[in-house]
Structure formats: C-alpha cells, structure tokens
Amino acid sequence: MLVFPDEKGDAPSFVCQRILIPLDGNTEHEQGLGAAIELASHCGSALHLFMVIHKLSTLPGEQSASAILLPGATTAVLEISQQQAVQYLAELQERIQHQGLTVTGEVERGDPAKVVLESARRNQVDLIVLGTHGKSAQEGFWSASLTPKMTRQRQIPLLLVPVGRR
C-alpha cells in the first residue's frame, strides 16, 4: 500500500469510505477486485468499478499505428469495446451486490491514467486498488501499464495487488 505524506511530510489520516477499482476486462486483474471487496467488507466501504476505453487519439504504441491506417475500423472496435465494458461492469456489480456491498460502475473514454485520476477526484475516493504485474520502468512503459503512471500521482493512496499468482 502506498500512502503519500501531506505537505508537512506527515502521514495523512486515512479513512476508507470509497474505493476505486480500475479494471481492464482481464480476469487476471480481478485479483485486485477481490482484495478491494474484502477490504470493503471489513471497512464498510462503497466500491466504484471503473473502466477506461481509449479514444483514437489516446491509443498506445502499435495500436495507434493501426488507428492511423484504419481509423473507421479502429473506431468501430473501440465502440464495441465500450459496449462490452458496460456489460462486464454490470455483471460484476450484480455479483458484488449479492455480497451485500454498495457498488457503482462507470465506463469512460480517454487516456487511462488521466481518466482514472479524474474519476478518483470527482468521486472523492479514499483508495485506488490496482491489480498489477509489477512492471516498471521501460517494461511498464512499453506495455502501457497503468501502475507506474498511478504511482506518480502522489495524492490518493494506492493498494497494489500482485496478479498472476494464486
């Protein structure tokens, strides 16, 4: 867990009333969701599930090259991805609500790191929970990993949950 000091260098007080869980549709990354559900159960927190679908202008690496060559097809694929994300979050919300927890969901378009932080601020979350493979530096950059970008924000506490290990 990363908790960032306040302006004086002191550890800020921490409450856990609202937790944001960025998801990408990869079931392996749902290990972060499991940790968030368990934490919410113990703390009485509300959960906010969040997915970001890229825009043409925010596609990373080789995806942006194909978008330049095939903008119409890429736009169609992104629209389908958004529809699938809405359905995916609705299914997760229903599953979580059956556990007696308060949960909301949201899908937005844009650059994932920027949009996740905007949502976190707008929804006044106390914690962001991310499933992570632990990629950093160049490996994180080339894989377009969200975690290294989120650790730079220094405002909202992060709980990083290793994925790929059961």
N, C-alpha and C. Protein backbone atom coordinates (compact mmCIF):
# COMPACT_ATOMS: atom_id res chain seq x y z
N MET A 1 0.86 -1.18 0.00
CA MET A 1 0.00 0.00 0.00
C MET A 1 0.89 1.23 0.00
N LEU A 2 0.59 2.17 -0.85
CA LEU A 2 1.32 3.43 -0.92
C LEU A 2 0.42 4.54 -0.38
N VAL A 3 0.88 5.18 0.68
CA VAL A 3 0.18 6.33 1.25
C VAL A 3 1.17 7.48 1.19
N PHE A 4 0.75 8.58 0.61
CA PHE A 4 1.64 9.69 0.37
C PHE A 4 1.55 10.72 1.49
N PRO A 5 2.69 11.28 1.92
CA PRO A 5 2.67 12.26 3.00
C PRO A 5 1.98 13.56 2.58
N ASP A 6 1.50 14.30 3.59
CA ASP A 6 0.88 15.59 3.30
C ASP A 6 1.97 16.64 3.07
N GLU A 7 1.56 17.91 2.96
CA GLU A 7 2.51 19.00 2.66
C GLU A 7 3.60 19.13 3.71
N LYS A 8 3.30 18.76 4.97
CA LYS A 8 4.27 18.87 6.05
C LYS A 8 5.19 17.65 6.13
N GLY A 9 4.90 16.64 5.32
CA GLY A 9 5.69 15.41 5.37
C GLY A 9 5.14 14.38 6.33
N ASP A 10 3.97 14.68 6.91
CA ASP A 10 3.34 13.75 7.85
C ASP A 10 2.43 12.77 7.12
N ALA A 11 2.21 11.63 7.75
CA ALA A 11 1.25 10.67 7.20
C ALA A 11 -0.15 11.24 7.36
N PRO A 12 -0.91 11.32 6.30
CA PRO A 12 -2.27 11.87 6.41
C PRO A 12 -3.19 10.88 7.12
N SER A 13 -4.26 11.41 7.68
CA SER A 13 -5.24 10.50 8.27
C SER A 13 -5.87 9.71 7.12
N PHE A 14 -6.26 8.49 7.41
CA PHE A 14 -6.79 7.63 6.35
C PHE A 14 -8.15 7.09 6.75
N VAL A 15 -9.11 7.33 5.90
CA VAL A 15 -10.43 6.71 6.04
C VAL A 15 -10.64 5.89 4.78
N CYS A 16 -11.50 4.94 4.87
CA CYS A 16 -11.70 4.06 3.72
C CYS A 16 -13.20 3.92 3.47
N GLN A 17 -13.81 5.01 3.02
CA GLN A 17 -15.25 5.00 2.77
C GLN A 17 -15.59 4.68 1.32
N ARG A 18 -14.70 5.02 0.39
CA ARG A 18 -14.97 4.83 -1.03
C ARG A 18 -13.70 4.34 -1.72
N ILE A 19 -13.80 3.20 -2.40
CA ILE A 19 -12.66 2.57 -3.06
C ILE A 19 -12.91 2.52 -4.56
N LEU A 20 -11.93 2.97 -5.33
CA LEU A 20 -11.99 2.92 -6.80
C LEU A 20 -11.17 1.72 -7.28
N ILE A 21 -11.76 0.92 -8.15
CA ILE A 21 -11.07 -0.24 -8.71
C ILE A 21 -11.05 -0.12 -10.22
N PRO A 22 -9.91 0.34 -10.80
CA PRO A 22 -9.80 0.36 -12.26
C PRO A 22 -9.65 -1.08 -12.77
N LEU A 23 -10.43 -1.42 -13.76
CA LEU A 23 -10.39 -2.76 -14.36
C LEU A 23 -10.17 -2.62 -15.85
N ASP A 24 -9.69 -3.70 -16.46
CA ASP A 24 -9.47 -3.66 -17.91
C ASP A 24 -10.12 -4.83 -18.64
N GLY A 25 -10.94 -5.61 -17.94
CA GLY A 25 -11.60 -6.75 -18.56
C GLY A 25 -10.78 -8.02 -18.50
N ASN A 26 -9.52 -7.93 -18.07
CA ASN A 26 -8.66 -9.09 -17.93
C ASN A 26 -8.98 -9.75 -16.58
N THR A 27 -9.47 -10.99 -16.62
CA THR A 27 -9.87 -11.66 -15.38
C THR A 27 -8.71 -11.82 -14.41
N GLU A 28 -7.48 -11.89 -14.91
CA GLU A 28 -6.33 -11.98 -14.02
C GLU A 28 -6.23 -10.74 -13.13
N HIS A 29 -6.58 -9.58 -13.66
CA HIS A 29 -6.51 -8.34 -12.88
C HIS A 29 -7.64 -8.22 -11.87
N GLU A 30 -8.60 -9.13 -11.92
CA GLU A 30 -9.68 -9.12 -10.93
C GLU A 30 -9.18 -9.53 -9.55
N GLN A 31 -7.93 -9.98 -9.45
CA GLN A 31 -7.38 -10.25 -8.12
C GLN A 31 -7.36 -8.96 -7.30
N GLY A 32 -7.17 -7.83 -7.94
CA GLY A 32 -7.26 -6.55 -7.26
C GLY A 32 -8.68 -6.30 -6.77
N LEU A 33 -9.64 -6.71 -7.56
CA LEU A 33 -11.05 -6.56 -7.18
C LEU A 33 -11.35 -7.40 -5.94
N GLY A 34 -10.81 -8.61 -5.89
CA GLY A 34 -11.03 -9.47 -4.73
C GLY A 34 -10.52 -8.83 -3.45
N ALA A 35 -9.34 -8.24 -3.51
CA ALA A 35 -8.78 -7.56 -2.34
C ALA A 35 -9.64 -6.36 -1.95
N ALA A 36 -10.13 -5.63 -2.94
CA ALA A 36 -10.98 -4.46 -2.66
C ALA A 36 -12.30 -4.89 -2.01
N ILE A 37 -12.87 -5.98 -2.48
CA ILE A 37 -14.13 -6.49 -1.90
C ILE A 37 -13.91 -6.88 -0.45
N GLU A 38 -12.82 -7.58 -0.19
CA GLU A 38 -12.53 -7.98 1.19
C GLU A 38 -12.32 -6.77 2.08
N LEU A 39 -11.57 -5.79 1.61
CA LEU A 39 -11.34 -4.57 2.38
C LEU A 39 -12.66 -3.83 2.62
N ALA A 40 -13.48 -3.71 1.58
CA ALA A 40 -14.77 -3.03 1.71
C ALA A 40 -15.67 -3.74 2.71
N SER A 41 -15.62 -5.06 2.74
CA SER A 41 -16.43 -5.83 3.69
C SER A 41 -16.04 -5.51 5.12
N HIS A 42 -14.74 -5.37 5.37
CA HIS A 42 -14.25 -5.09 6.72
C HIS A 42 -14.45 -3.63 7.13
N CYS A 43 -14.36 -2.73 6.18
CA CYS A 43 -14.42 -1.29 6.49
C CYS A 43 -15.78 -0.66 6.25
N GLY A 44 -16.69 -1.39 5.63
CA GLY A 44 -17.99 -0.81 5.27
C GLY A 44 -17.88 0.19 4.14
N SER A 45 -16.92 -0.01 3.25
CA SER A 45 -16.67 0.92 2.15
C SER A 45 -17.59 0.65 0.97
N ALA A 46 -17.83 1.71 0.20
CA ALA A 46 -18.51 1.58 -1.09
C ALA A 46 -17.43 1.36 -2.15
N LEU A 47 -17.78 0.58 -3.16
CA LEU A 47 -16.85 0.30 -4.26
C LEU A 47 -17.30 1.02 -5.52
N HIS A 48 -16.33 1.49 -6.28
CA HIS A 48 -16.61 2.12 -7.57
C HIS A 48 -15.75 1.43 -8.62
N LEU A 49 -16.38 0.61 -9.45
CA LEU A 49 -15.68 -0.10 -10.53
C LEU A 49 -15.54 0.85 -11.70
N PHE A 50 -14.38 0.81 -12.35
CA PHE A 50 -14.11 1.80 -13.37
C PHE A 50 -13.31 1.19 -14.52
N MET A 51 -13.75 1.45 -15.72
CA MET A 51 -13.01 1.02 -16.91
C MET A 51 -12.84 2.20 -17.85
N VAL A 52 -11.69 2.21 -18.51
CA VAL A 52 -11.39 3.26 -19.49
C VAL A 52 -11.16 2.59 -20.83
N ILE A 53 -11.87 3.06 -21.84
CA ILE A 53 -11.67 2.63 -23.22
C ILE A 53 -10.98 3.79 -23.94
N HIS A 54 -9.94 3.47 -24.63
CA HIS A 54 -9.19 4.51 -25.34
C HIS A 54 -10.05 5.21 -26.38
N LYS A 55 -9.64 6.43 -26.72
CA LYS A 55 -10.11 7.15 -27.91
C LYS A 55 -9.06 6.91 -28.99
N LEU A 56 -9.38 7.24 -30.22
CA LEU A 56 -8.38 7.13 -31.29
C LEU A 56 -7.10 7.88 -30.92
N SER A 57 -7.27 9.04 -30.32
CA SER A 57 -6.12 9.90 -30.02
C SER A 57 -5.30 9.44 -28.83
N THR A 58 -5.79 8.48 -28.05
CA THR A 58 -5.04 8.04 -26.86
C THR A 58 -4.51 6.61 -26.96
N LEU A 59 -4.71 5.97 -28.12
CA LEU A 59 -4.23 4.60 -28.27
C LEU A 59 -2.71 4.54 -28.14
N PRO A 60 -2.20 3.53 -27.42
CA PRO A 60 -0.75 3.42 -27.24
C PRO A 60 -0.08 2.67 -28.39
N GLY A 61 1.21 2.92 -28.57
CA GLY A 61 2.10 2.16 -29.43
C GLY A 61 1.55 1.70 -30.75
N GLU A 62 1.66 0.40 -30.97
CA GLU A 62 1.29 -0.16 -32.26
C GLU A 62 -0.21 -0.05 -32.54
N GLN A 63 -1.02 0.08 -31.49
CA GLN A 63 -2.45 0.28 -31.72
C GLN A 63 -2.70 1.62 -32.39
N SER A 64 -1.89 2.62 -32.05
CA SER A 64 -2.08 3.93 -32.69
C SER A 64 -1.70 3.88 -34.17
N ALA A 65 -0.73 3.04 -34.52
CA ALA A 65 -0.34 2.91 -35.92
C ALA A 65 -1.48 2.31 -36.74
N SER A 66 -2.14 1.29 -36.20
CA SER A 66 -3.26 0.70 -36.93
C SER A 66 -4.44 1.67 -37.00
N ALA A 67 -4.58 2.53 -35.97
CA ALA A 67 -5.66 3.51 -35.99
C ALA A 67 -5.46 4.54 -37.09
N ILE A 68 -4.20 4.86 -37.37
CA ILE A 68 -3.89 5.81 -38.45
C ILE A 68 -4.25 5.19 -39.80
N LEU A 69 -3.93 3.91 -39.94
CA LEU A 69 -4.19 3.22 -41.21
C LEU A 69 -5.65 2.84 -41.39
N LEU A 70 -6.32 2.51 -40.29
CA LEU A 70 -7.70 2.04 -40.36
C LEU A 70 -8.57 2.75 -39.31
N PRO A 71 -8.76 4.06 -39.45
CA PRO A 71 -9.50 4.79 -38.41
C PRO A 71 -10.95 4.33 -38.24
N GLY A 72 -11.62 4.03 -39.32
CA GLY A 72 -13.02 3.59 -39.23
C GLY A 72 -13.14 2.27 -38.50
N ALA A 73 -12.30 1.32 -38.86
CA ALA A 73 -12.33 0.01 -38.22
C ALA A 73 -11.94 0.12 -36.75
N THR A 74 -10.94 0.93 -36.46
CA THR A 74 -10.50 1.10 -35.08
C THR A 74 -11.59 1.77 -34.24
N THR A 75 -12.26 2.76 -34.80
CA THR A 75 -13.37 3.41 -34.09
C THR A 75 -14.47 2.40 -33.78
N ALA A 76 -14.79 1.54 -34.74
CA ALA A 76 -15.81 0.51 -34.52
C ALA A 76 -15.39 -0.46 -33.42
N VAL A 77 -14.14 -0.85 -33.42
CA VAL A 77 -13.63 -1.76 -32.39
C VAL A 77 -13.70 -1.10 -31.01
N LEU A 78 -13.36 0.18 -30.93
CA LEU A 78 -13.43 0.89 -29.66
C LEU A 78 -14.87 1.03 -29.16
N GLU A 79 -15.81 1.25 -30.07
CA GLU A 79 -17.23 1.32 -29.69
C GLU A 79 -17.72 -0.01 -29.14
N ILE A 80 -17.33 -1.10 -29.80
CA ILE A 80 -17.70 -2.44 -29.32
C ILE A 80 -17.06 -2.69 -27.96
N SER A 81 -15.81 -2.28 -27.80
CA SER A 81 -15.12 -2.45 -26.52
C SER A 81 -15.85 -1.71 -25.41
N GLN A 82 -16.36 -0.52 -25.71
CA GLN A 82 -17.10 0.24 -24.70
C GLN A 82 -18.39 -0.48 -24.31
N GLN A 83 -19.11 -0.99 -25.29
CA GLN A 83 -20.34 -1.75 -25.00
C GLN A 83 -20.04 -2.98 -24.15
N GLN A 84 -18.96 -3.68 -24.48
CA GLN A 84 -18.58 -4.86 -23.70
C GLN A 84 -18.17 -4.47 -22.28
N ALA A 85 -17.51 -3.34 -22.13
CA ALA A 85 -17.10 -2.87 -20.81
C ALA A 85 -18.31 -2.57 -19.94
N VAL A 86 -19.32 -1.94 -20.50
CA VAL A 86 -20.54 -1.63 -19.75
C VAL A 86 -21.20 -2.93 -19.27
N GLN A 87 -21.27 -3.91 -20.15
CA GLN A 87 -21.86 -5.20 -19.79
C GLN A 87 -21.02 -5.91 -18.72
N TYR A 88 -19.72 -5.90 -18.89
CA TYR A 88 -18.80 -6.54 -17.94
C TYR A 88 -18.96 -5.93 -16.54
N LEU A 89 -19.00 -4.60 -16.45
CA LEU A 89 -19.15 -3.95 -15.16
C LEU A 89 -20.52 -4.23 -14.54
N ALA A 90 -21.56 -4.28 -15.36
CA ALA A 90 -22.90 -4.57 -14.86
C ALA A 90 -22.94 -5.97 -14.23
N GLU A 91 -22.28 -6.92 -14.87
CA GLU A 91 -22.23 -8.28 -14.32
C GLU A 91 -21.46 -8.33 -13.01
N LEU A 92 -20.33 -7.61 -12.96
CA LEU A 92 -19.55 -7.56 -11.72
C LEU A 92 -20.34 -6.88 -10.61
N GLN A 93 -21.01 -5.78 -10.94
CA GLN A 93 -21.81 -5.06 -9.94
C GLN A 93 -22.87 -5.97 -9.34
N GLU A 94 -23.55 -6.70 -10.18
CA GLU A 94 -24.60 -7.60 -9.69
C GLU A 94 -24.00 -8.65 -8.75
N ARG A 95 -22.87 -9.21 -9.14
CA ARG A 95 -22.21 -10.23 -8.31
C ARG A 95 -21.81 -9.66 -6.95
N ILE A 96 -21.28 -8.44 -6.95
CA ILE A 96 -20.82 -7.81 -5.71
C ILE A 96 -22.00 -7.40 -4.83
N GLN A 97 -23.07 -6.90 -5.44
CA GLN A 97 -24.25 -6.51 -4.67
C GLN A 97 -24.85 -7.69 -3.93
N HIS A 98 -24.73 -8.89 -4.49
CA HIS A 98 -25.23 -10.10 -3.83
C HIS A 98 -24.42 -10.41 -2.57
N GLN A 99 -23.26 -9.80 -2.43
CA GLN A 99 -22.44 -9.97 -1.24
C GLN A 99 -22.78 -8.91 -0.19
N GLY A 100 -23.79 -8.07 -0.48
CA GLY A 100 -24.24 -7.06 0.47
C GLY A 100 -23.43 -5.78 0.47
N LEU A 101 -22.66 -5.54 -0.57
CA LEU A 101 -21.84 -4.33 -0.64
C LEU A 101 -22.46 -3.29 -1.57
N THR A 102 -22.14 -2.03 -1.31
CA THR A 102 -22.56 -0.94 -2.17
C THR A 102 -21.54 -0.82 -3.29
N VAL A 103 -22.02 -0.83 -4.54
CA VAL A 103 -21.10 -0.79 -5.67
C VAL A 103 -21.71 0.01 -6.81
N THR A 104 -20.89 0.82 -7.45
CA THR A 104 -21.28 1.55 -8.65
C THR A 104 -20.27 1.21 -9.74
N GLY A 105 -20.61 1.55 -10.96
CA GLY A 105 -19.70 1.29 -12.07
C GLY A 105 -19.76 2.41 -13.08
N GLU A 106 -18.66 2.56 -13.82
CA GLU A 106 -18.57 3.65 -14.78
C GLU A 106 -17.56 3.28 -15.86
N VAL A 107 -17.91 3.62 -17.10
CA VAL A 107 -17.00 3.44 -18.23
C VAL A 107 -16.80 4.80 -18.87
N GLU A 108 -15.54 5.17 -19.10
CA GLU A 108 -15.24 6.44 -19.76
C GLU A 108 -14.24 6.20 -20.88
N ARG A 109 -14.04 7.21 -21.69
CA ARG A 109 -13.11 7.15 -22.82
C ARG A 109 -11.97 8.13 -22.59
N GLY A 110 -10.75 7.72 -23.02
CA GLY A 110 -9.60 8.61 -22.95
C GLY A 110 -8.33 7.90 -22.54
N ASP A 111 -7.38 8.67 -22.06
CA ASP A 111 -6.11 8.13 -21.56
C ASP A 111 -6.35 7.53 -20.19
N PRO A 112 -6.08 6.22 -20.00
CA PRO A 112 -6.44 5.56 -18.74
C PRO A 112 -5.93 6.25 -17.48
N ALA A 113 -4.66 6.57 -17.39
CA ALA A 113 -4.14 7.17 -16.15
C ALA A 113 -4.83 8.49 -15.85
N LYS A 114 -4.97 9.33 -16.84
CA LYS A 114 -5.59 10.64 -16.65
C LYS A 114 -7.07 10.49 -16.25
N VAL A 115 -7.79 9.63 -16.93
CA VAL A 115 -9.23 9.48 -16.69
C VAL A 115 -9.49 8.80 -15.34
N VAL A 116 -8.64 7.84 -14.94
CA VAL A 116 -8.79 7.20 -13.63
C VAL A 116 -8.62 8.24 -12.53
N LEU A 117 -7.60 9.08 -12.64
CA LEU A 117 -7.39 10.11 -11.62
C LEU A 117 -8.53 11.12 -11.59
N GLU A 118 -9.04 11.51 -12.75
CA GLU A 118 -10.18 12.43 -12.79
C GLU A 118 -11.38 11.81 -12.09
N SER A 119 -11.64 10.53 -12.34
CA SER A 119 -12.76 9.85 -11.69
C SER A 119 -12.54 9.75 -10.18
N ALA A 120 -11.31 9.44 -9.78
CA ALA A 120 -10.99 9.33 -8.35
C ALA A 120 -11.28 10.65 -7.63
N ARG A 121 -10.88 11.74 -8.24
CA ARG A 121 -11.12 13.05 -7.62
C ARG A 121 -12.62 13.39 -7.63
N ARG A 122 -13.26 13.19 -8.76
CA ARG A 122 -14.68 13.51 -8.90
C ARG A 122 -15.53 12.70 -7.91
N ASN A 123 -15.17 11.43 -7.72
CA ASN A 123 -15.93 10.56 -6.83
C ASN A 123 -15.41 10.56 -5.40
N GLN A 124 -14.42 11.40 -5.13
CA GLN A 124 -13.85 11.58 -3.79
C GLN A 124 -13.49 10.24 -3.15
N VAL A 125 -12.73 9.43 -3.88
CA VAL A 125 -12.34 8.12 -3.35
C VAL A 125 -11.20 8.28 -2.35
N ASP A 126 -11.14 7.34 -1.43
CA ASP A 126 -10.11 7.33 -0.40
C ASP A 126 -8.95 6.40 -0.75
N LEU A 127 -9.19 5.49 -1.71
CA LEU A 127 -8.20 4.49 -2.04
C LEU A 127 -8.44 3.99 -3.46
N ILE A 128 -7.35 3.75 -4.20
CA ILE A 128 -7.42 3.13 -5.51
C ILE A 128 -6.75 1.76 -5.38
N VAL A 129 -7.46 0.72 -5.79
CA VAL A 129 -6.91 -0.63 -5.73
C VAL A 129 -6.62 -1.11 -7.15
N LEU A 130 -5.36 -1.48 -7.39
CA LEU A 130 -4.93 -1.92 -8.71
C LEU A 130 -4.33 -3.31 -8.66
N GLY A 131 -4.78 -4.18 -9.56
CA GLY A 131 -4.08 -5.43 -9.79
C GLY A 131 -2.89 -5.11 -10.66
N THR A 132 -1.70 -5.65 -10.32
CA THR A 132 -0.50 -5.29 -11.06
C THR A 132 0.42 -6.49 -11.26
N HIS A 133 1.09 -6.49 -12.40
CA HIS A 133 2.11 -7.49 -12.69
C HIS A 133 3.47 -7.04 -12.17
N GLY A 134 3.55 -5.84 -11.64
CA GLY A 134 4.80 -5.33 -11.10
C GLY A 134 5.75 -4.81 -12.15
N LYS A 135 5.22 -4.45 -13.31
CA LYS A 135 6.09 -3.90 -14.36
C LYS A 135 6.46 -2.47 -14.00
N SER A 136 7.69 -2.12 -14.29
CA SER A 136 8.13 -0.76 -14.03
C SER A 136 9.11 -0.32 -15.12
N ALA A 137 9.52 0.90 -15.02
CA ALA A 137 10.50 1.47 -15.95
C ALA A 137 10.11 1.19 -17.40
N GLN A 138 11.07 0.73 -18.22
CA GLN A 138 10.80 0.53 -19.64
C GLN A 138 9.75 -0.54 -19.90
N GLU A 139 9.80 -1.62 -19.12
CA GLU A 139 8.82 -2.69 -19.32
C GLU A 139 7.40 -2.16 -19.10
N GLY A 140 7.19 -1.37 -18.06
CA GLY A 140 5.89 -0.77 -17.81
C GLY A 140 5.49 0.21 -18.89
N PHE A 141 6.46 0.99 -19.37
CA PHE A 141 6.18 1.95 -20.43
C PHE A 141 5.73 1.25 -21.70
N TRP A 142 6.50 0.25 -22.15
CA TRP A 142 6.18 -0.41 -23.41
C TRP A 142 4.92 -1.25 -23.34
N SER A 143 4.55 -1.69 -22.17
CA SER A 143 3.31 -2.46 -22.05
C SER A 143 2.11 -1.56 -21.80
N ALA A 144 2.34 -0.25 -21.71
CA ALA A 144 1.30 0.75 -21.42
C ALA A 144 0.64 0.46 -20.07
N SER A 145 1.43 -0.01 -19.11
CA SER A 145 0.94 -0.36 -17.78
C SER A 145 0.43 0.89 -17.05
N LEU A 146 -0.69 0.72 -16.37
CA LEU A 146 -1.30 1.81 -15.61
C LEU A 146 -0.57 2.06 -14.29
N THR A 147 -0.05 1.01 -13.67
CA THR A 147 0.51 1.12 -12.33
C THR A 147 1.64 2.14 -12.22
N PRO A 148 2.67 2.11 -13.08
CA PRO A 148 3.73 3.13 -12.92
C PRO A 148 3.21 4.56 -13.03
N LYS A 149 2.23 4.77 -13.88
CA LYS A 149 1.66 6.12 -14.03
C LYS A 149 0.89 6.52 -12.78
N MET A 150 0.18 5.57 -12.17
CA MET A 150 -0.62 5.87 -10.99
C MET A 150 0.26 6.14 -9.77
N THR A 151 1.41 5.49 -9.68
CA THR A 151 2.27 5.71 -8.51
C THR A 151 2.90 7.10 -8.52
N ARG A 152 2.90 7.77 -9.66
CA ARG A 152 3.46 9.12 -9.74
C ARG A 152 2.49 10.20 -9.25
N GLN A 153 1.22 9.88 -9.09
CA GLN A 153 0.23 10.91 -8.80
C GLN A 153 0.32 11.49 -7.38
N ARG A 154 0.77 10.75 -6.39
CA ARG A 154 1.11 11.24 -5.05
C ARG A 154 -0.02 11.94 -4.28
N GLN A 155 -1.27 11.61 -4.55
CA GLN A 155 -2.35 12.26 -3.82
C GLN A 155 -3.30 11.25 -3.18
N ILE A 156 -3.64 10.22 -3.91
CA ILE A 156 -4.62 9.25 -3.43
C ILE A 156 -3.90 7.95 -3.11
N PRO A 157 -4.09 7.41 -1.89
CA PRO A 157 -3.43 6.16 -1.54
C PRO A 157 -3.76 5.04 -2.54
N LEU A 158 -2.76 4.19 -2.76
CA LEU A 158 -2.88 3.08 -3.69
C LEU A 158 -2.64 1.76 -2.96
N LEU A 159 -3.45 0.78 -3.27
CA LEU A 159 -3.20 -0.59 -2.82
C LEU A 159 -2.89 -1.38 -4.07
N LEU A 160 -1.65 -1.87 -4.18
CA LEU A 160 -1.21 -2.63 -5.35
C LEU A 160 -1.28 -4.12 -5.01
N VAL A 161 -2.04 -4.86 -5.80
CA VAL A 161 -2.24 -6.29 -5.56
C VAL A 161 -1.54 -7.06 -6.66
N PRO A 162 -0.55 -7.88 -6.32
CA PRO A 162 0.14 -8.67 -7.35
C PRO A 162 -0.84 -9.64 -8.03
N VAL A 163 -0.76 -9.72 -9.34
CA VAL A 163 -1.62 -10.65 -10.08
C VAL A 163 -0.76 -11.72 -10.74
N GLY A 164 -1.43 -12.78 -11.14
CA GLY A 164 -0.72 -13.86 -11.81
C GLY A 164 -0.20 -14.90 -10.85
N ARG A 165 -0.40 -14.65 -9.57
CA ARG A 165 0.00 -15.62 -8.53
C ARG A 165 -1.24 -15.97 -7.75
N ARG A 166 -1.51 -17.22 -7.61
CA ARG A 166 -2.69 -17.65 -6.85
C ARG A 166 -2.27 -18.45 -5.65
